[in-house]
Amino acid sequence: ITLVAAELCANAVQHGHVAGRDFQVHLTASP
């Protein structure tokens, strides 16, 4: 799960970057 999150975040930075705008992470765990 950590690797999946890391890849999605890296892609947001590399391919979804817009100057001056952040990206957001929403993590939900349902046992």
PDB file of all heavy atoms in Angstrom:
ATOM      1  N   ILE A   1       0.832  -1.207   0.000  1.00  0.00           N
ATOM      2  CA  ILE A   1       0.000   0.000   0.000  1.00  0.00           C
ATOM      3  C   ILE A   1       0.862   1.251   0.000  1.00  0.00           C
ATOM      4  O   ILE A   1       0.566   2.220  -0.695  1.00  0.00           O
ATOM      5  CB  ILE A   1      -0.973  -0.014   1.196  1.00  0.00           C
ATOM      6  CG1 ILE A   1      -1.956  -1.179   1.042  1.00  0.00           C
ATOM      7  CG2 ILE A   1      -1.724   1.307   1.306  1.00  0.00           C
ATOM      8  CD1 ILE A   1      -2.721  -1.508   2.306  1.00  0.00           C
ATOM      9  N   THR A   2       1.959   1.220   0.747  1.00  0.00           N
ATOM     10  CA  THR A   2       2.872   2.362   0.773  1.00  0.00           C
ATOM     11  C   THR A   2       3.475   2.600  -0.612  1.00  0.00           C
ATOM     12  O   THR A   2       3.591   3.743  -1.056  1.00  0.00           O
ATOM     13  CB  THR A   2       3.981   2.142   1.814  1.00  0.00           C
ATOM     14  OG1 THR A   2       3.383   2.038   3.107  1.00  0.00           O
ATOM     15  CG2 THR A   2       4.971   3.285   1.819  1.00  0.00           C
ATOM     16  N   LEU A   3       3.838   1.539  -1.302  1.00  0.00           N
ATOM     17  CA  LEU A   3       4.403   1.689  -2.640  1.00  0.00           C
ATOM     18  C   LEU A   3       3.362   2.259  -3.607  1.00  0.00           C
ATOM     19  O   LEU A   3       3.673   3.151  -4.402  1.00  0.00           O
ATOM     20  CB  LEU A   3       4.930   0.355  -3.157  1.00  0.00           C
ATOM     21  CG  LEU A   3       5.568   0.375  -4.548  1.00  0.00           C
ATOM     22  CD1 LEU A   3       6.691   1.407  -4.638  1.00  0.00           C
ATOM     23  CD2 LEU A   3       6.087  -1.001  -4.915  1.00  0.00           C
ATOM     24  N   VAL A   4       2.120   1.797  -3.507  1.00  0.00           N
ATOM     25  CA  VAL A   4       1.056   2.335  -4.357  1.00  0.00           C
ATOM     26  C   VAL A   4       0.874   3.830  -4.071  1.00  0.00           C
ATOM     27  O   VAL A   4       0.808   4.648  -4.999  1.00  0.00           O
ATOM     28  CB  VAL A   4      -0.270   1.564  -4.144  1.00  0.00           C
ATOM     29  CG1 VAL A   4      -1.439   2.289  -4.797  1.00  0.00           C
ATOM     30  CG2 VAL A   4      -0.142   0.146  -4.699  1.00  0.00           C
ATOM     31  N   ALA A   5       0.804   4.197  -2.798  1.00  0.00           N
ATOM     32  CA  ALA A   5       0.648   5.611  -2.432  1.00  0.00           C
ATOM     33  C   ALA A   5       1.825   6.438  -2.947  1.00  0.00           C
ATOM     34  O   ALA A   5       1.634   7.537  -3.491  1.00  0.00           O
ATOM     35  CB  ALA A   5       0.517   5.757  -0.916  1.00  0.00           C
ATOM     36  N   ALA A   6       3.045   5.913  -2.801  1.00  0.00           N
ATOM     37  CA  ALA A   6       4.232   6.635  -3.267  1.00  0.00           C
ATOM     38  C   ALA A   6       4.186   6.859  -4.770  1.00  0.00           C
ATOM     39  O   ALA A   6       4.511   7.956  -5.254  1.00  0.00           O
ATOM     40  CB  ALA A   6       5.494   5.860  -2.881  1.00  0.00           C
ATOM     41  N   GLU A   7       3.783   5.856  -5.527  1.00  0.00           N
ATOM     42  CA  GLU A   7       3.710   5.993  -6.987  1.00  0.00           C
ATOM     43  C   GLU A   7       2.649   7.002  -7.398  1.00  0.00           C
ATOM     44  O   GLU A   7       2.879   7.825  -8.286  1.00  0.00           O
ATOM     45  CB  GLU A   7       3.439   4.637  -7.644  1.00  0.00           C
ATOM     46  CG  GLU A   7       4.600   3.676  -7.566  1.00  0.00           C
ATOM     47  CD  GLU A   7       5.852   4.170  -8.278  1.00  0.00           C
ATOM     48  OE1 GLU A   7       5.749   4.999  -9.208  1.00  0.00           O
ATOM     49  OE2 GLU A   7       6.942   3.731  -7.894  1.00  0.00           O
ATOM     50  N   LEU A   8       1.474   6.951  -6.760  1.00  0.00           N
ATOM     51  CA  LEU A   8       0.422   7.910  -7.115  1.00  0.00           C
ATOM     52  C   LEU A   8       0.842   9.343  -6.770  1.00  0.00           C
ATOM     53  O   LEU A   8       0.564  10.272  -7.540  1.00  0.00           O
ATOM     54  CB  LEU A   8      -0.887   7.545  -6.421  1.00  0.00           C
ATOM     55  CG  LEU A   8      -1.522   6.211  -6.837  1.00  0.00           C
ATOM     56  CD1 LEU A   8      -2.839   5.996  -6.095  1.00  0.00           C
ATOM     57  CD2 LEU A   8      -1.722   6.122  -8.334  1.00  0.00           C
ATOM     58  N   CYS A   9       1.511   9.521  -5.642  1.00  0.00           N
ATOM     59  CA  CYS A   9       1.984  10.860  -5.259  1.00  0.00           C
ATOM     60  C   CYS A   9       3.076  11.346  -6.205  1.00  0.00           C
ATOM     61  O   CYS A   9       3.070  12.510  -6.626  1.00  0.00           O
ATOM     62  CB  CYS A   9       2.479  10.856  -3.815  1.00  0.00           C
ATOM     63  SG  CYS A   9       1.176  10.608  -2.595  1.00  0.00           S
ATOM     64  N   ALA A  10       4.009  10.469  -6.551  1.00  0.00           N
ATOM     65  CA  ALA A  10       5.076  10.854  -7.493  1.00  0.00           C
ATOM     66  C   ALA A  10       4.487  11.242  -8.847  1.00  0.00           C
ATOM     67  O   ALA A  10       4.924  12.216  -9.466  1.00  0.00           O
ATOM     68  CB  ALA A  10       6.077   9.710  -7.649  1.00  0.00           C
ATOM     69  N   ASN A  11       3.470  10.504  -9.297  1.00  0.00           N
ATOM     70  CA  ASN A  11       2.825  10.848 -10.569  1.00  0.00           C
ATOM     71  C   ASN A  11       2.114  12.191 -10.489  1.00  0.00           C
ATOM     72  O   ASN A  11       2.114  12.954 -11.454  1.00  0.00           O
ATOM     73  CB  ASN A  11       1.838   9.761 -10.986  1.00  0.00           C
ATOM     74  CG  ASN A  11       2.531   8.556 -11.584  1.00  0.00           C
ATOM     75  OD1 ASN A  11       3.722   8.575 -11.842  1.00  0.00           O
ATOM     76  ND2 ASN A  11       1.772   7.502 -11.780  1.00  0.00           N
ATOM     77  N   ALA A  12       1.491  12.483  -9.338  1.00  0.00           N
ATOM     78  CA  ALA A  12       0.823  13.781  -9.176  1.00  0.00           C
ATOM     79  C   ALA A  12       1.832  14.911  -9.292  1.00  0.00           C
ATOM     80  O   ALA A  12       1.545  15.950  -9.891  1.00  0.00           O
ATOM     81  CB  ALA A  12       0.101  13.841  -7.836  1.00  0.00           C
ATOM     82  N   VAL A  13       3.021  14.704  -8.747  1.00  0.00           N
ATOM     83  CA  VAL A  13       4.064  15.735  -8.807  1.00  0.00           C
ATOM     84  C   VAL A  13       4.638  15.833 -10.218  1.00  0.00           C
ATOM     85  O   VAL A  13       4.813  16.927 -10.749  1.00  0.00           O
ATOM     86  CB  VAL A  13       5.178  15.436  -7.776  1.00  0.00           C
ATOM     87  CG1 VAL A  13       6.389  16.320  -7.998  1.00  0.00           C
ATOM     88  CG2 VAL A  13       4.632  15.601  -6.362  1.00  0.00           C
ATOM     89  N   GLN A  14       4.907  14.697 -10.833  1.00  0.00           N
ATOM     90  CA  GLN A  14       5.566  14.712 -12.142  1.00  0.00           C
ATOM     91  C   GLN A  14       4.616  15.058 -13.284  1.00  0.00           C
ATOM     92  O   GLN A  14       4.972  15.815 -14.178  1.00  0.00           O
ATOM     93  CB  GLN A  14       6.211  13.356 -12.418  1.00  0.00           C
ATOM     94  CG  GLN A  14       7.002  13.343 -13.705  1.00  0.00           C
ATOM     95  CD  GLN A  14       7.774  12.048 -13.887  1.00  0.00           C
ATOM     96  OE1 GLN A  14       7.620  11.101 -13.134  1.00  0.00           O
ATOM     97  NE2 GLN A  14       8.609  12.018 -14.890  1.00  0.00           N
ATOM     98  N   HIS A  15       3.406  14.521 -13.262  1.00  0.00           N
ATOM     99  CA  HIS A  15       2.504  14.686 -14.400  1.00  0.00           C
ATOM    100  C   HIS A  15       1.311  15.595 -14.126  1.00  0.00           C
ATOM    101  O   HIS A  15       0.654  16.028 -15.062  1.00  0.00           O
ATOM    102  CB  HIS A  15       1.979  13.317 -14.859  1.00  0.00           C
ATOM    103  CG  HIS A  15       3.063  12.353 -15.197  1.00  0.00           C
ATOM    104  ND1 HIS A  15       3.909  12.514 -16.268  1.00  0.00           N
ATOM    105  CD2 HIS A  15       3.467  11.221 -14.570  1.00  0.00           C
ATOM    106  CE1 HIS A  15       4.765  11.519 -16.309  1.00  0.00           C
ATOM    107  NE2 HIS A  15       4.528  10.715 -15.286  1.00  0.00           N
ATOM    108  N   GLY A  16       1.018  15.859 -12.860  1.00  0.00           N
ATOM    109  CA  GLY A  16      -0.150  16.669 -12.521  1.00  0.00           C
ATOM    110  C   GLY A  16       0.187  18.016 -11.936  1.00  0.00           C
ATOM    111  O   GLY A  16      -0.687  18.733 -11.457  1.00  0.00           O
ATOM    112  N   HIS A  17       1.460  18.376 -11.971  1.00  0.00           N
ATOM    113  CA  HIS A  17       1.922  19.623 -11.365  1.00  0.00           C
ATOM    114  C   HIS A  17       1.401  20.849 -12.110  1.00  0.00           C
ATOM    115  O   HIS A  17       1.492  20.937 -13.329  1.00  0.00           O
ATOM    116  CB  HIS A  17       3.451  19.648 -11.343  1.00  0.00           C
ATOM    117  CG  HIS A  17       4.023  20.924 -10.836  1.00  0.00           C
ATOM    118  ND1 HIS A  17       4.051  21.236  -9.503  1.00  0.00           N
ATOM    119  CD2 HIS A  17       4.555  21.983 -11.490  1.00  0.00           C
ATOM    120  CE1 HIS A  17       4.595  22.436  -9.355  1.00  0.00           C
ATOM    121  NE2 HIS A  17       4.913  22.906 -10.548  1.00  0.00           N
ATOM    122  N   VAL A  18       0.853  21.767 -11.351  1.00  0.00           N
ATOM    123  CA  VAL A  18       0.508  23.099 -11.833  1.00  0.00           C
ATOM    124  C   VAL A  18       1.166  24.056 -10.849  1.00  0.00           C
ATOM    125  O   VAL A  18       0.972  23.931  -9.632  1.00  0.00           O
ATOM    126  CB  VAL A  18      -1.021  23.332 -11.869  1.00  0.00           C
ATOM    127  CG1 VAL A  18      -1.340  24.770 -12.227  1.00  0.00           C
ATOM    128  CG2 VAL A  18      -1.681  22.370 -12.848  1.00  0.00           C
ATOM    129  N   ALA A  19       1.955  24.990 -11.351  1.00  0.00           N
ATOM    130  CA  ALA A  19       2.694  25.903 -10.481  1.00  0.00           C
ATOM    131  C   ALA A  19       1.775  26.569  -9.458  1.00  0.00           C
ATOM    132  O   ALA A  19       0.705  27.063  -9.805  1.00  0.00           O
ATOM    133  CB  ALA A  19       3.405  26.966 -11.312  1.00  0.00           C
ATOM    134  N   GLY A  20       2.197  26.529  -8.209  1.00  0.00           N
ATOM    135  CA  GLY A  20       1.446  27.176  -7.139  1.00  0.00           C
ATOM    136  C   GLY A  20       0.270  26.375  -6.613  1.00  0.00           C
ATOM    137  O   GLY A  20      -0.454  26.843  -5.731  1.00  0.00           O
ATOM    138  N   ARG A  21       0.054  25.167  -7.109  1.00  0.00           N
ATOM    139  CA  ARG A  21      -1.073  24.343  -6.658  1.00  0.00           C
ATOM    140  C   ARG A  21      -0.557  23.067  -6.002  1.00  0.00           C
ATOM    141  O   ARG A  21       0.395  22.456  -6.466  1.00  0.00           O
ATOM    142  CB  ARG A  21      -1.969  23.970  -7.832  1.00  0.00           C
ATOM    143  CG  ARG A  21      -2.488  25.183  -8.576  1.00  0.00           C
ATOM    144  CD  ARG A  21      -3.987  25.244  -8.502  1.00  0.00           C
ATOM    145  NE  ARG A  21      -4.497  26.462  -9.114  1.00  0.00           N
ATOM    146  CZ  ARG A  21      -5.346  26.465 -10.114  1.00  0.00           C
ATOM    147  NH1 ARG A  21      -5.784  25.340 -10.626  1.00  0.00           N
ATOM    148  NH2 ARG A  21      -5.782  27.613 -10.593  1.00  0.00           N
ATOM    149  N   ASP A  22      -1.210  22.675  -4.927  1.00  0.00           N
ATOM    150  CA  ASP A  22      -0.844  21.471  -4.188  1.00  0.00           C
ATOM    151  C   ASP A  22      -1.570  20.254  -4.743  1.00  0.00           C
ATOM    152  O   ASP A  22      -2.492  20.373  -5.542  1.00  0.00           O
ATOM    153  CB  ASP A  22      -1.240  21.630  -2.711  1.00  0.00           C
ATOM    154  CG  ASP A  22      -0.519  22.770  -2.016  1.00  0.00           C
ATOM    155  OD1 ASP A  22       0.582  23.141  -2.474  1.00  0.00           O
ATOM    156  OD2 ASP A  22      -1.054  23.280  -1.022  1.00  0.00           O
ATOM    157  N   PHE A  23      -1.163  19.076  -4.275  1.00  0.00           N
ATOM    158  CA  PHE A  23      -1.942  17.871  -4.526  1.00  0.00           C
ATOM    159  C   PHE A  23      -2.473  17.397  -3.174  1.00  0.00           C
ATOM    160  O   PHE A  23      -1.973  17.784  -2.127  1.00  0.00           O
ATOM    161  CB  PHE A  23      -1.129  16.782  -5.244  1.00  0.00           C
ATOM    162  CG  PHE A  23      -0.068  16.114  -4.410  1.00  0.00           C
ATOM    163  CD1 PHE A  23      -0.334  14.928  -3.735  1.00  0.00           C
ATOM    164  CD2 PHE A  23       1.209  16.652  -4.316  1.00  0.00           C
ATOM    165  CE1 PHE A  23       0.641  14.300  -2.990  1.00  0.00           C
ATOM    166  CE2 PHE A  23       2.197  16.039  -3.571  1.00  0.00           C
ATOM    167  CZ  PHE A  23       1.912  14.859  -2.898  1.00  0.00           C
ATOM    168  N   GLN A  24      -3.511  16.592  -3.204  1.00  0.00           N
ATOM    169  CA  GLN A  24      -4.154  16.136  -1.970  1.00  0.00           C
ATOM    170  C   GLN A  24      -4.167  14.615  -1.911  1.00  0.00           C
ATOM    171  O   GLN A  24      -4.383  13.948  -2.920  1.00  0.00           O
ATOM    172  CB  GLN A  24      -5.589  16.639  -1.904  1.00  0.00           C
ATOM    173  CG  GLN A  24      -6.347  16.151  -0.673  1.00  0.00           C
ATOM    174  CD  GLN A  24      -7.738  16.734  -0.612  1.00  0.00           C
ATOM    175  OE1 GLN A  24      -7.875  17.934  -0.425  1.00  0.00           O
ATOM    176  NE2 GLN A  24      -8.741  15.903  -0.785  1.00  0.00           N
ATOM    177  N   VAL A  25      -3.929  14.091  -0.723  1.00  0.00           N
ATOM    178  CA  VAL A  25      -4.013  12.653  -0.476  1.00  0.00           C
ATOM    179  C   VAL A  25      -5.172  12.409   0.474  1.00  0.00           C
ATOM    180  O   VAL A  25      -5.302  13.093   1.495  1.00  0.00           O
ATOM    181  CB  VAL A  25      -2.705  12.110   0.136  1.00  0.00           C
ATOM    182  CG1 VAL A  25      -2.861  10.651   0.540  1.00  0.00           C
ATOM    183  CG2 VAL A  25      -1.547  12.287  -0.827  1.00  0.00           C
ATOM    184  N   HIS A  26      -6.007  11.446   0.111  1.00  0.00           N
ATOM    185  CA  HIS A  26      -7.095  11.006   0.990  1.00  0.00           C
ATOM    186  C   HIS A  26      -6.934   9.497   1.142  1.00  0.00           C
ATOM    187  O   HIS A  26      -6.969   8.762   0.154  1.00  0.00           O
ATOM    188  CB  HIS A  26      -8.459  11.362   0.406  1.00  0.00           C
ATOM    189  CG  HIS A  26      -9.599  10.950   1.273  1.00  0.00           C
ATOM    190  ND1 HIS A  26      -9.927  11.614   2.425  1.00  0.00           N
ATOM    191  CD2 HIS A  26     -10.468   9.916   1.179  1.00  0.00           C
ATOM    192  CE1 HIS A  26     -10.966  11.022   2.987  1.00  0.00           C
ATOM    193  NE2 HIS A  26     -11.304   9.977   2.249  1.00  0.00           N
ATOM    194  N   LEU A  27      -6.720   9.055   2.368  1.00  0.00           N
ATOM    195  CA  LEU A  27      -6.496   7.650   2.672  1.00  0.00           C
ATOM    196  C   LEU A  27      -7.641   7.175   3.544  1.00  0.00           C
ATOM    197  O   LEU A  27      -7.974   7.825   4.542  1.00  0.00           O
ATOM    198  CB  LEU A  27      -5.159   7.519   3.409  1.00  0.00           C
ATOM    199  CG  LEU A  27      -4.586   6.145   3.670  1.00  0.00           C
ATOM    200  CD1 LEU A  27      -4.224   5.458   2.362  1.00  0.00           C
ATOM    201  CD2 LEU A  27      -3.340   6.270   4.552  1.00  0.00           C
ATOM    202  N   THR A  28      -8.264   6.068   3.165  1.00  0.00           N
ATOM    203  CA  THR A  28      -9.367   5.501   3.930  1.00  0.00           C
ATOM    204  C   THR A  28      -9.074   4.032   4.175  1.00  0.00           C
ATOM    205  O   THR A  28      -8.745   3.303   3.235  1.00  0.00           O
ATOM    206  CB  THR A  28     -10.702   5.613   3.159  1.00  0.00           C
ATOM    207  OG1 THR A  28     -10.917   6.968   2.793  1.00  0.00           O
ATOM    208  CG2 THR A  28     -11.868   5.138   3.999  1.00  0.00           C
ATOM    209  N   ALA A  29      -9.193   3.612   5.432  1.00  0.00           N
ATOM    210  CA  ALA A  29      -9.007   2.201   5.784  1.00  0.00           C
ATOM    211  C   ALA A  29     -10.279   1.691   6.442  1.00  0.00           C
ATOM    212  O   ALA A  29     -10.785   2.306   7.379  1.00  0.00           O
ATOM    213  CB  ALA A  29      -7.818   2.030   6.715  1.00  0.00           C
ATOM    214  N   SER A  30     -10.776   0.580   5.937  1.00  0.00           N
ATOM    215  CA  SER A  30     -11.990  -0.023   6.468  1.00  0.00           C
ATOM    216  C   SER A  30     -11.704  -1.468   6.868  1.00  0.00           C
ATOM    217  O   SER A  30     -11.750  -2.368   6.018  1.00  0.00           O
ATOM    218  CB  SER A  30     -13.100   0.025   5.416  1.00  0.00           C
ATOM    219  OG  SER A  30     -14.243  -0.654   5.882  1.00  0.00           O
ATOM    220  N   PRO A  31     -11.403  -1.705   8.148  1.00  0.00           N
ATOM    221  CA  PRO A  31     -11.150  -3.087   8.581  1.00  0.00           C
ATOM    222  C   PRO A  31     -12.302  -4.043   8.281  1.00  0.00           C
ATOM    223  O   PRO A  31     -12.047  -5.178   7.875  1.00  0.00           O
ATOM    224  CB  PRO A  31     -10.891  -2.942  10.086  1.00  0.00           C
ATOM    225  CG  PRO A  31     -10.366  -1.553  10.241  1.00  0.00           C
ATOM    226  CD  PRO A  31     -11.130  -0.738   9.215  1.00  0.00           C
TER     227      PRO A  31
END
